[in-house]
Amino acid sequence: MKSLVKWLVASVLFVLFQLSPTCLLAQDNSAPPADVIKFAGLSPEQAAKEMTLPPGFKATLFAGEPDVAQPIAFCIDDRGRLWVAEG
């Protein structure tokens, strides 16, 4: 019986020490951290303006949300057309 109690105490202590300190403290209801991706959340128009292009090149937006939703793949055919697969 003593070995079972020792095993249970050891198991509980192990689980408690594995939890992060924030789990043991009171819940913090503050907002989640800001997105770390520099240009995340931009509108399609603004994203095209923020692109870095070589001299002489220009980015033109021809389709964006809500016309394209959840693009998962694209292909440019031999005629220069862009085909987008949505998921």
PDB file of N, CA and C in Angstrom:
ATOM      1  N   MET A   1       0.824  -1.192   0.000  1.00  0.00           N
ATOM      2  CA  MET A   1       0.000   0.000   0.000  1.00  0.00           C
ATOM      3  C   MET A   1       0.868   1.255   0.000  1.00  0.00           C
ATOM      4  N   LYS A   2       1.992   1.223   0.781  1.00  0.00           N
ATOM      5  CA  LYS A   2       2.873   2.385   0.830  1.00  0.00           C
ATOM      6  C   LYS A   2       3.494   2.662  -0.537  1.00  0.00           C
ATOM      7  N   SER A   3       3.819   1.609  -1.259  1.00  0.00           N
ATOM      8  CA  SER A   3       4.425   1.817  -2.581  1.00  0.00           C
ATOM      9  C   SER A   3       3.420   2.433  -3.541  1.00  0.00           C
ATOM     10  N   LEU A   4       2.130   2.086  -3.423  1.00  0.00           N
ATOM     11  CA  LEU A   4       1.099   2.675  -4.275  1.00  0.00           C
ATOM     12  C   LEU A   4       0.957   4.163  -3.968  1.00  0.00           C
ATOM     13  N   VAL A   5       0.962   4.517  -2.687  1.00  0.00           N
ATOM     14  CA  VAL A   5       0.863   5.926  -2.296  1.00  0.00           C
ATOM     15  C   VAL A   5       2.080   6.694  -2.808  1.00  0.00           C
ATOM     16  N   LYS A   6       3.266   6.124  -2.652  1.00  0.00           N
ATOM     17  CA  LYS A   6       4.474   6.780  -3.154  1.00  0.00           C
ATOM     18  C   LYS A   6       4.402   6.972  -4.658  1.00  0.00           C
ATOM     19  N   TRP A   7       3.914   5.956  -5.347  1.00  0.00           N
ATOM     20  CA  TRP A   7       3.808   6.041  -6.808  1.00  0.00           C
ATOM     21  C   TRP A   7       2.823   7.126  -7.223  1.00  0.00           C
ATOM     22  N   LEU A   8       1.662   7.206  -6.525  1.00  0.00           N
ATOM     23  CA  LEU A   8       0.665   8.233  -6.844  1.00  0.00           C
ATOM     24  C   LEU A   8       1.205   9.634  -6.566  1.00  0.00           C
ATOM     25  N   VAL A   9       1.878   9.819  -5.438  1.00  0.00           N
ATOM     26  CA  VAL A   9       2.453  11.129  -5.110  1.00  0.00           C
ATOM     27  C   VAL A   9       3.505  11.512  -6.145  1.00  0.00           C
ATOM     28  N   ALA A  10       4.351  10.573  -6.504  1.00  0.00           N
ATOM     29  CA  ALA A  10       5.381  10.845  -7.505  1.00  0.00           C
ATOM     30  C   ALA A  10       4.757  11.193  -8.850  1.00  0.00           C
ATOM     31  N   SER A  11       3.691  10.506  -9.225  1.00  0.00           N
ATOM     32  CA  SER A  11       3.016  10.772 -10.495  1.00  0.00           C
ATOM     33  C   SER A  11       2.396  12.162 -10.517  1.00  0.00           C
ATOM     34  N   VAL A  12       1.729  12.526  -9.417  1.00  0.00           N
ATOM     35  CA  VAL A  12       1.106  13.852  -9.332  1.00  0.00           C
ATOM     36  C   VAL A  12       2.169  14.938  -9.386  1.00  0.00           C
ATOM     37  N   LEU A  13       3.257  14.770  -8.657  1.00  0.00           N
ATOM     38  CA  LEU A  13       4.330  15.766  -8.675  1.00  0.00           C
ATOM     39  C   LEU A  13       4.948  15.875 -10.071  1.00  0.00           C
ATOM     40  N   PHE A  14       5.132  14.753 -10.719  1.00  0.00           N
ATOM     41  CA  PHE A  14       5.694  14.768 -12.070  1.00  0.00           C
ATOM     42  C   PHE A  14       4.800  15.563 -13.015  1.00  0.00           C
ATOM     43  N   VAL A  15       3.492  15.318 -12.967  1.00  0.00           N
ATOM     44  CA  VAL A  15       2.552  16.035 -13.837  1.00  0.00           C
ATOM     45  C   VAL A  15       2.558  17.524 -13.521  1.00  0.00           C
ATOM     46  N   LEU A  16       2.572  17.881 -12.251  1.00  0.00           N
ATOM     47  CA  LEU A  16       2.577  19.301 -11.889  1.00  0.00           C
ATOM     48  C   LEU A  16       3.834  20.012 -12.373  1.00  0.00           C
ATOM     49  N   PHE A  17       4.973  19.344 -12.276  1.00  0.00           N
ATOM     50  CA  PHE A  17       6.213  19.967 -12.718  1.00  0.00           C
ATOM     51  C   PHE A  17       6.304  20.043 -14.244  1.00  0.00           C
ATOM     52  N   GLN A  18       5.557  19.220 -14.945  1.00  0.00           N
ATOM     53  CA  GLN A  18       5.577  19.258 -16.398  1.00  0.00           C
ATOM     54  C   GLN A  18       4.713  20.383 -16.954  1.00  0.00           C
ATOM     55  N   LEU A  19       3.746  20.836 -16.167  1.00  0.00           N
ATOM     56  CA  LEU A  19       2.893  21.930 -16.617  1.00  0.00           C
ATOM     57  C   LEU A  19       3.697  23.220 -16.666  1.00  0.00           C
ATOM     58  N   SER A  20       3.358  24.070 -17.624  1.00  0.00           N
ATOM     59  CA  SER A  20       4.047  25.354 -17.685  1.00  0.00           C
ATOM     60  C   SER A  20       3.582  26.227 -16.522  1.00  0.00           C
ATOM     61  N   PRO A  21       4.399  27.174 -16.102  1.00  0.00           N
ATOM     62  CA  PRO A  21       4.015  28.042 -14.983  1.00  0.00           C
ATOM     63  C   PRO A  21       2.729  28.813 -15.247  1.00  0.00           C
ATOM     64  N   THR A  22       2.443  29.135 -16.507  1.00  0.00           N
ATOM     65  CA  THR A  22       1.223  29.891 -16.792  1.00  0.00           C
ATOM     66  C   THR A  22      -0.019  29.052 -16.557  1.00  0.00           C
ATOM     67  N   CYS A  23       0.090  27.730 -16.663  1.00  0.00           N
ATOM     68  CA  CYS A  23      -1.061  26.869 -16.386  1.00  0.00           C
ATOM     69  C   CYS A  23      -1.379  26.844 -14.905  1.00  0.00           C
ATOM     70  N   LEU A  24      -0.369  26.996 -14.082  1.00  0.00           N
ATOM     71  CA  LEU A  24      -0.567  26.939 -12.644  1.00  0.00           C
ATOM     72  C   LEU A  24      -1.034  28.268 -12.069  1.00  0.00           C
ATOM     73  N   LEU A  25      -0.810  29.351 -12.790  1.00  0.00           N
ATOM     74  CA  LEU A  25      -1.220  30.671 -12.328  1.00  0.00           C
ATOM     75  C   LEU A  25      -2.647  30.960 -12.766  1.00  0.00           C
ATOM     76  N   ALA A  26      -3.194  32.057 -12.292  1.00  0.00           N
ATOM     77  CA  ALA A  26      -4.541  32.462 -12.695  1.00  0.00           C
ATOM     78  C   ALA A  26      -4.576  32.711 -14.203  1.00  0.00           C
ATOM     79  N   GLN A  27      -5.719  32.462 -14.789  1.00  0.00           N
ATOM     80  CA  GLN A  27      -5.864  32.649 -16.234  1.00  0.00           C
ATOM     81  C   GLN A  27      -5.714  34.127 -16.585  1.00  0.00           C
ATOM     82  N   ASP A  28      -4.989  34.402 -17.652  1.00  0.00           N
ATOM     83  CA  ASP A  28      -4.795  35.764 -18.133  1.00  0.00           C
ATOM     84  C   ASP A  28      -5.717  35.957 -19.331  1.00  0.00           C
ATOM     85  N   ASN A  29      -6.643  36.876 -19.245  1.00  0.00           N
ATOM     86  CA  ASN A  29      -7.627  37.084 -20.306  1.00  0.00           C
ATOM     87  C   ASN A  29      -7.213  38.183 -21.270  1.00  0.00           C
ATOM     88  N   SER A  30      -5.928  38.487 -21.351  1.00  0.00           N
ATOM     89  CA  SER A  30      -5.493  39.528 -22.272  1.00  0.00           C
ATOM     90  C   SER A  30      -5.522  38.989 -23.695  1.00  0.00           C
ATOM     91  N   ALA A  31      -5.389  39.877 -24.649  1.00  0.00           N
ATOM     92  CA  ALA A  31      -5.429  39.509 -26.069  1.00  0.00           C
ATOM     93  C   ALA A  31      -4.215  38.656 -26.424  1.00  0.00           C
ATOM     94  N   PRO A  32      -4.368  37.781 -27.413  1.00  0.00           N
ATOM     95  CA  PRO A  32      -3.216  36.977 -27.845  1.00  0.00           C
ATOM     96  C   PRO A  32      -2.157  37.878 -28.473  1.00  0.00           C
ATOM     97  N   PRO A  33      -0.925  37.412 -28.569  1.00  0.00           N
ATOM     98  CA  PRO A  33       0.131  38.255 -29.140  1.00  0.00           C
ATOM     99  C   PRO A  33      -0.153  38.584 -30.610  1.00  0.00           C
ATOM    100  N   ALA A  34       0.385  39.690 -31.041  1.00  0.00           N
ATOM    101  CA  ALA A  34       0.201  40.110 -32.431  1.00  0.00           C
ATOM    102  C   ALA A  34       0.837  39.105 -33.372  1.00  0.00           C
ATOM    103  N   ASP A  35       0.330  39.052 -34.589  1.00  0.00           N
ATOM    104  CA  ASP A  35       0.854  38.125 -35.593  1.00  0.00           C
ATOM    105  C   ASP A  35       2.300  38.504 -35.897  1.00  0.00           C
ATOM    106  N   VAL A  36       3.178  37.520 -35.934  1.00  0.00           N
ATOM    107  CA  VAL A  36       4.590  37.790 -36.151  1.00  0.00           C
ATOM    108  C   VAL A  36       4.948  37.884 -37.629  1.00  0.00           C
ATOM    109  N   ILE A  37       4.021  37.573 -38.507  1.00  0.00           N
ATOM    110  CA  ILE A  37       4.281  37.679 -39.944  1.00  0.00           C
ATOM    111  C   ILE A  37       4.058  39.131 -40.343  1.00  0.00           C
ATOM    112  N   LYS A  38       5.058  39.736 -40.960  1.00  0.00           N
ATOM    113  CA  LYS A  38       5.084  41.177 -41.184  1.00  0.00           C
ATOM    114  C   LYS A  38       3.857  41.703 -41.932  1.00  0.00           C
ATOM    115  N   PHE A  39       3.454  41.065 -43.013  1.00  0.00           N
ATOM    116  CA  PHE A  39       2.377  41.604 -43.842  1.00  0.00           C
ATOM    117  C   PHE A  39       1.088  40.795 -43.736  1.00  0.00           C
ATOM    118  N   ALA A  40       0.939  40.002 -42.691  1.00  0.00           N
ATOM    119  CA  ALA A  40      -0.277  39.197 -42.528  1.00  0.00           C
ATOM    120  C   ALA A  40      -1.479  40.100 -42.320  1.00  0.00           C
ATOM    121  N   GLY A  41      -2.593  39.721 -42.924  1.00  0.00           N
ATOM    122  CA  GLY A  41      -3.832  40.448 -42.718  1.00  0.00           C
ATOM    123  C   GLY A  41      -4.043  41.632 -43.646  1.00  0.00           C
ATOM    124  N   LEU A  42      -3.156  41.835 -44.607  1.00  0.00           N
ATOM    125  CA  LEU A  42      -3.347  42.942 -45.545  1.00  0.00           C
ATOM    126  C   LEU A  42      -4.459  42.612 -46.530  1.00  0.00           C
ATOM    127  N   SER A  43      -5.130  43.647 -47.002  1.00  0.00           N
ATOM    128  CA  SER A  43      -6.116  43.443 -48.061  1.00  0.00           C
ATOM    129  C   SER A  43      -5.369  43.066 -49.338  1.00  0.00           C
ATOM    130  N   PRO A  44      -6.042  42.425 -50.301  1.00  0.00           N
ATOM    131  CA  PRO A  44      -5.350  42.063 -51.545  1.00  0.00           C
ATOM    132  C   PRO A  44      -4.713  43.267 -52.247  1.00  0.00           C
ATOM    133  N   GLU A  45      -5.404  44.375 -52.258  1.00  0.00           N
ATOM    134  CA  GLU A  45      -4.865  45.577 -52.907  1.00  0.00           C
ATOM    135  C   GLU A  45      -3.611  46.069 -52.197  1.00  0.00           C
ATOM    136  N   GLN A  46      -3.666  46.113 -50.866  1.00  0.00           N
ATOM    137  CA  GLN A  46      -2.516  46.581 -50.088  1.00  0.00           C
ATOM    138  C   GLN A  46      -1.347  45.602 -50.206  1.00  0.00           C
ATOM    139  N   ALA A  47      -1.627  44.303 -50.268  1.00  0.00           N
ATOM    140  CA  ALA A  47      -0.564  43.305 -50.414  1.00  0.00           C
ATOM    141  C   ALA A  47       0.177  43.496 -51.736  1.00  0.00           C
ATOM    142  N   ALA A  48      -0.541  43.804 -52.805  1.00  0.00           N
ATOM    143  CA  ALA A  48       0.106  44.046 -54.099  1.00  0.00           C
ATOM    144  C   ALA A  48       0.991  45.286 -54.038  1.00  0.00           C
ATOM    145  N   LYS A  49       0.565  46.306 -53.300  1.00  0.00           N
ATOM    146  CA  LYS A  49       1.373  47.530 -53.170  1.00  0.00           C
ATOM    147  C   LYS A  49       2.646  47.290 -52.355  1.00  0.00           C
ATOM    148  N   GLU A  50       2.603  46.372 -51.391  1.00  0.00           N
ATOM    149  CA  GLU A  50       3.732  46.120 -50.498  1.00  0.00           C
ATOM    150  C   GLU A  50       4.770  45.167 -51.086  1.00  0.00           C
ATOM    151  N   MET A  51       4.507  44.569 -52.242  1.00  0.00           N
ATOM    152  CA  MET A  51       5.451  43.618 -52.847  1.00  0.00           C
ATOM    153  C   MET A  51       6.742  44.315 -53.244  1.00  0.00           C
ATOM    154  N   THR A  52       7.865  43.624 -53.060  1.00  0.00           N
ATOM    155  CA  THR A  52       9.159  44.122 -53.494  1.00  0.00           C
ATOM    156  C   THR A  52       9.473  43.481 -54.838  1.00  0.00           C
ATOM    157  N   LEU A  53       9.609  44.307 -55.861  1.00  0.00           N
ATOM    158  CA  LEU A  53       9.818  43.820 -57.221  1.00  0.00           C
ATOM    159  C   LEU A  53      11.087  44.401 -57.815  1.00  0.00           C
ATOM    160  N   PRO A  54      11.686  43.701 -58.782  1.00  0.00           N
ATOM    161  CA  PRO A  54      12.853  44.254 -59.463  1.00  0.00           C
ATOM    162  C   PRO A  54      12.465  45.492 -60.273  1.00  0.00           C
ATOM    163  N   PRO A  55      13.425  46.347 -60.569  1.00  0.00           N
ATOM    164  CA  PRO A  55      13.127  47.539 -61.372  1.00  0.00           C
ATOM    165  C   PRO A  55      12.495  47.139 -62.711  1.00  0.00           C
ATOM    166  N   GLY A  56      11.453  47.854 -63.088  1.00  0.00           N
ATOM    167  CA  GLY A  56      10.776  47.592 -64.355  1.00  0.00           C
ATOM    168  C   GLY A  56       9.604  46.619 -64.238  1.00  0.00           C
ATOM    169  N   PHE A  57       9.461  45.959 -63.103  1.00  0.00           N
ATOM    170  CA  PHE A  57       8.357  45.030 -62.913  1.00  0.00           C
ATOM    171  C   PHE A  57       7.220  45.717 -62.178  1.00  0.00           C
ATOM    172  N   LYS A  58       6.009  45.193 -62.382  1.00  0.00           N
ATOM    173  CA  LYS A  58       4.838  45.773 -61.732  1.00  0.00           C
ATOM    174  C   LYS A  58       3.886  44.639 -61.350  1.00  0.00           C
ATOM    175  N   ALA A  59       3.295  44.719 -60.165  1.00  0.00           N
ATOM    176  CA  ALA A  59       2.321  43.731 -59.703  1.00  0.00           C
ATOM    177  C   ALA A  59       0.926  44.292 -59.904  1.00  0.00           C
ATOM    178  N   THR A  60       0.092  43.525 -60.578  1.00  0.00           N
ATOM    179  CA  THR A  60      -1.281  43.938 -60.833  1.00  0.00           C
ATOM    180  C   THR A  60      -2.222  42.908 -60.214  1.00  0.00           C
ATOM    181  N   LEU A  61      -3.125  43.362 -59.398  1.00  0.00           N
ATOM    182  CA  LEU A  61      -4.100  42.474 -58.781  1.00  0.00           C
ATOM    183  C   LEU A  61      -5.227  42.222 -59.768  1.00  0.00           C
ATOM    184  N   PHE A  62      -5.457  40.943 -60.075  1.00  0.00           N
ATOM    185  CA  PHE A  62      -6.573  40.631 -60.976  1.00  0.00           C
ATOM    186  C   PHE A  62      -7.622  39.758 -60.301  1.00  0.00           C
ATOM    187  N   ALA A  63      -7.301  39.177 -59.165  1.00  0.00           N
ATOM    188  CA  ALA A  63      -8.287  38.409 -58.399  1.00  0.00           C
ATOM    189  C   ALA A  63      -7.838  38.367 -56.945  1.00  0.00           C
ATOM    190  N   GLY A  64      -8.757  38.558 -56.063  1.00  0.00           N
ATOM    191  CA  GLY A  64      -8.476  38.514 -54.632  1.00  0.00           C
ATOM    192  C   GLY A  64      -9.720  38.073 -53.899  1.00  0.00           C
ATOM    193  N   GLU A  65      -9.650  38.105 -52.575  1.00  0.00           N
ATOM    194  CA  GLU A  65     -10.826  37.738 -51.800  1.00  0.00           C
ATOM    195  C   GLU A  65     -11.952  38.719 -52.104  1.00  0.00           C
ATOM    196  N   PRO A  66     -13.161  38.333 -52.267  1.00  0.00           N
ATOM    197  CA  PRO A  66     -13.744  37.014 -52.099  1.00  0.00           C
ATOM    198  C   PRO A  66     -13.780  36.186 -53.390  1.00  0.00           C
ATOM    199  N   ASP A  67     -13.184  36.670 -54.485  1.00  0.00           N
ATOM    200  CA  ASP A  67     -13.197  35.910 -55.741  1.00  0.00           C
ATOM    201  C   ASP A  67     -12.422  34.603 -55.617  1.00  0.00           C
ATOM    202  N   VAL A  68     -11.324  34.620 -54.876  1.00  0.00           N
ATOM    203  CA  VAL A  68     -10.519  33.426 -54.643  1.00  0.00           C
ATOM    204  C   VAL A  68     -10.529  33.156 -53.142  1.00  0.00           C
ATOM    205  N   ALA A  69     -10.958  31.957 -52.770  1.00  0.00           N
ATOM    206  CA  ALA A  69     -11.014  31.595 -51.345  1.00  0.00           C
ATOM    207  C   ALA A  69     -10.200  30.333 -51.126  1.00  0.00           C
ATOM    208  N   GLN A  70      -9.286  30.357 -50.188  1.00  0.00           N
ATOM    209  CA  GLN A  70      -8.437  29.232 -49.810  1.00  0.00           C
ATOM    210  C   GLN A  70      -7.692  28.619 -51.006  1.00  0.00           C
ATOM    211  N   PRO A  71      -6.864  29.394 -51.706  1.00  0.00           N
ATOM    212  CA  PRO A  71      -6.089  28.803 -52.811  1.00  0.00           C
ATOM    213  C   PRO A  71      -5.078  27.799 -52.266  1.00  0.00           C
ATOM    214  N   ILE A  72      -4.983  26.639 -52.915  1.00  0.00           N
ATOM    215  CA  ILE A  72      -4.057  25.609 -52.447  1.00  0.00           C
ATOM    216  C   ILE A  72      -2.977  25.286 -53.474  1.00  0.00           C
ATOM    217  N   ALA A  73      -3.193  25.678 -54.735  1.00  0.00           N
ATOM    218  CA  ALA A  73      -2.195  25.413 -55.767  1.00  0.00           C
ATOM    219  C   ALA A  73      -2.489  26.308 -56.960  1.00  0.00           C
ATOM    220  N   PHE A  74      -1.443  26.547 -57.760  1.00  0.00           N
ATOM    221  CA  PHE A  74      -1.670  27.296 -58.998  1.00  0.00           C
ATOM    222  C   PHE A  74      -0.718  26.778 -60.062  1.00  0.00           C
ATOM    223  N   CYS A  75      -1.067  27.086 -61.306  1.00  0.00           N
ATOM    224  CA  CYS A  75      -0.261  26.650 -62.442  1.00  0.00           C
ATOM    225  C   CYS A  75      -0.395  27.699 -63.543  1.00  0.00           C
ATOM    226  N   ILE A  76       0.704  27.957 -64.226  1.00  0.00           N
ATOM    227  CA  ILE A  76       0.683  28.850 -65.386  1.00  0.00           C
ATOM    228  C   ILE A  76       0.855  27.979 -66.613  1.00  0.00           C
ATOM    229  N   ASP A  77      -0.120  28.038 -67.528  1.00  0.00           N
ATOM    230  CA  ASP A  77      -0.042  27.177 -68.704  1.00  0.00           C
ATOM    231  C   ASP A  77       0.831  27.798 -69.796  1.00  0.00           C
ATOM    232  N   ASP A  78       0.963  27.100 -70.928  1.00  0.00           N
ATOM    233  CA  ASP A  78       1.849  27.561 -72.003  1.00  0.00           C
ATOM    234  C   ASP A  78       1.348  28.822 -72.683  1.00  0.00           C
ATOM    235  N   ARG A  79       0.102  29.232 -72.427  1.00  0.00           N
ATOM    236  CA  ARG A  79      -0.439  30.478 -72.988  1.00  0.00           C
ATOM    237  C   ARG A  79      -0.358  31.634 -71.993  1.00  0.00           C
ATOM    238  N   GLY A  80       0.267  31.389 -70.826  1.00  0.00           N
ATOM    239  CA  GLY A  80       0.438  32.437 -69.831  1.00  0.00           C
ATOM    240  C   GLY A  80      -0.758  32.639 -68.923  1.00  0.00           C
ATOM    241  N   ARG A  81      -1.718  31.717 -68.958  1.00  0.00           N
ATOM    242  CA  ARG A  81      -2.899  31.839 -68.099  1.00  0.00           C
ATOM    243  C   ARG A  81      -2.594  31.227 -66.733  1.00  0.00           C
ATOM    244  N   LEU A  82      -3.144  31.835 -65.712  1.00  0.00           N
ATOM    245  CA  LEU A  82      -2.960  31.361 -64.345  1.00  0.00           C
ATOM    246  C   LEU A  82      -4.197  30.594 -63.929  1.00  0.00           C
ATOM    247  N   TRP A  83      -4.011  29.332 -63.512  1.00  0.00           N
ATOM    248  CA  TRP A  83      -5.088  28.487 -63.045  1.00  0.00           C
ATOM    249  C   TRP A  83      -4.894  28.280 -61.544  1.00  0.00           C
ATOM    250  N   VAL A  84      -5.939  28.524 -60.759  1.00  0.00           N
ATOM    251  CA  VAL A  84      -5.860  28.421 -59.308  1.00  0.00           C
ATOM    252  C   VAL A  84      -6.805  27.331 -58.827  1.00  0.00           C
ATOM    253  N   ALA A  85      -6.310  26.436 -57.996  1.00  0.00           N
ATOM    254  CA  ALA A  85      -7.142  25.414 -57.366  1.00  0.00           C
ATOM    255  C   ALA A  85      -7.480  25.859 -55.950  1.00  0.00           C
ATOM    256  N   GLU A  86      -8.748  25.790 -55.631  1.00  0.00           N
ATOM    257  CA  GLU A  86      -9.198  26.186 -54.293  1.00  0.00           C
ATOM    258  C   GLU A  86      -9.532  24.950 -53.482  1.00  0.00           C
ATOM    259  N   GLY A  87      -9.300  25.051 -52.167  1.00  0.00           N
ATOM    260  CA  GLY A  87      -9.555  23.920 -51.288  1.00  0.00           C
ATOM    261  C   GLY A  87     -10.831  24.041 -50.521  1.00  0.00           C
TER     262      GLY A  87
END
